[in-house]
Amino acid sequence: MKHGVLLLALILLSTAASAQTPQTPSTKTQSTATAAGVAARMQALGYSDIQNLHRGPDGKWVGNASRNGVPVTVTTDSEGKVTAR
């Protein structure tokens, strides 16, 4: 039982660490991404209040968010790069 708890703790810590490290997912990963997954990536990059996130016909995810209290339009391309305007 003790080993199982330790293993779970290590998995959670490694997951939390990787969520904080910006990584560029492969095109295949991004093309099958869900809105929840894209929003989680944006949150890991410091965006909050993510709304109206949808996938456009070009495969990019677009929505509204805030960063440091400033409202922005966010776009995530097929490589996972997030751009704010």
Protein backbone atom coordinates (compact mmCIF):
# COMPACT_ATOMS: atom_id res chain seq x y z
CA MET A 1 0.00 0.00 0.00
CA LYS A 2 2.81 2.40 0.93
CA HIS A 3 4.56 1.79 -2.41
CA GLY A 4 1.35 2.46 -4.32
CA VAL A 5 0.90 5.82 -2.60
CA LEU A 6 4.52 6.73 -3.31
CA LEU A 7 4.16 5.76 -6.96
CA LEU A 8 0.99 7.83 -7.29
CA ALA A 9 2.73 10.82 -5.69
CA LEU A 10 5.63 10.54 -8.13
CA ILE A 11 3.27 10.35 -11.10
CA LEU A 12 1.35 13.41 -9.92
CA LEU A 13 4.56 15.37 -9.35
CA SER A 14 5.94 14.50 -12.78
CA THR A 15 2.61 15.43 -14.40
CA ALA A 16 2.55 18.78 -12.59
CA ALA A 17 6.15 19.50 -13.59
CA SER A 18 5.52 18.71 -17.24
CA ALA A 19 2.38 20.89 -17.26
CA GLN A 20 4.53 23.86 -16.21
CA THR A 21 7.17 23.24 -18.86
CA PRO A 22 6.13 24.69 -22.22
CA GLN A 23 6.39 21.94 -24.79
CA THR A 24 5.48 21.94 -28.42
CA PRO A 25 3.23 18.99 -29.15
CA SER A 26 3.55 17.23 -32.46
CA THR A 27 1.13 18.09 -35.24
CA LYS A 28 -0.59 14.74 -34.76
CA THR A 29 -1.12 15.44 -31.05
CA GLN A 30 -2.43 18.94 -31.71
CA SER A 31 -4.76 17.81 -34.48
CA THR A 32 -6.52 15.42 -32.10
CA ALA A 33 -6.50 17.86 -29.16
CA THR A 34 -9.68 18.70 -27.34
CA ALA A 35 -10.81 22.14 -26.24
CA ALA A 36 -10.15 21.09 -22.63
CA GLY A 37 -6.59 20.07 -23.49
CA VAL A 38 -5.91 23.30 -25.36
CA ALA A 39 -7.37 25.33 -22.48
CA ALA A 40 -5.16 23.44 -20.00
CA ARG A 41 -2.09 24.31 -22.07
CA MET A 42 -3.13 27.97 -22.15
CA GLN A 43 -3.64 27.95 -18.38
CA ALA A 44 -0.16 26.47 -17.93
CA LEU A 45 1.17 29.43 -19.92
CA GLY A 46 -0.54 31.95 -17.61
CA TYR A 47 -3.87 32.57 -19.35
CA SER A 48 -7.09 32.58 -17.34
CA ASP A 49 -10.81 33.09 -17.92
CA ILE A 50 -10.60 31.15 -21.19
CA GLN A 51 -13.90 31.38 -23.08
CA ASN A 52 -15.42 30.66 -26.50
CA LEU A 53 -12.58 28.28 -27.40
CA HIS A 54 -13.31 26.67 -30.74
CA ARG A 55 -11.47 25.09 -33.61
CA GLY A 56 -11.48 26.95 -36.89
CA PRO A 57 -11.56 25.39 -40.36
CA ASP A 58 -7.79 25.90 -40.59
CA GLY A 59 -7.26 23.66 -37.54
CA LYS A 60 -6.26 26.50 -35.21
CA TRP A 61 -7.93 26.91 -31.84
CA VAL A 62 -9.25 30.44 -31.17
CA GLY A 63 -10.86 31.94 -28.09
CA ASN A 64 -10.85 34.74 -25.57
CA ALA A 65 -8.79 34.82 -22.38
CA SER A 66 -7.06 37.10 -19.91
CA ARG A 67 -3.40 37.31 -19.02
CA ASN A 68 -2.20 39.55 -16.21
CA GLY A 69 -5.72 41.04 -16.13
CA VAL A 70 -5.62 42.05 -19.79
CA PRO A 71 -8.26 40.54 -22.12
CA VAL A 72 -6.81 39.02 -25.28
CA THR A 73 -7.82 36.87 -28.22
CA VAL A 74 -5.74 33.68 -28.15
CA THR A 75 -4.86 31.39 -31.03
CA THR A 76 -3.11 28.03 -30.85
CA ASP A 77 -1.59 26.76 -34.09
CA SER A 78 -1.13 23.16 -35.22
CA GLU A 79 2.25 23.00 -33.45
CA GLY A 80 0.83 24.16 -30.10
CA LYS A 81 2.21 27.71 -30.19
CA VAL A 82 -0.11 30.13 -28.39
CA THR A 83 -0.39 33.67 -29.75
CA ALA A 84 -2.27 36.52 -28.04
CA ARG A 85 -3.63 39.60 -29.80
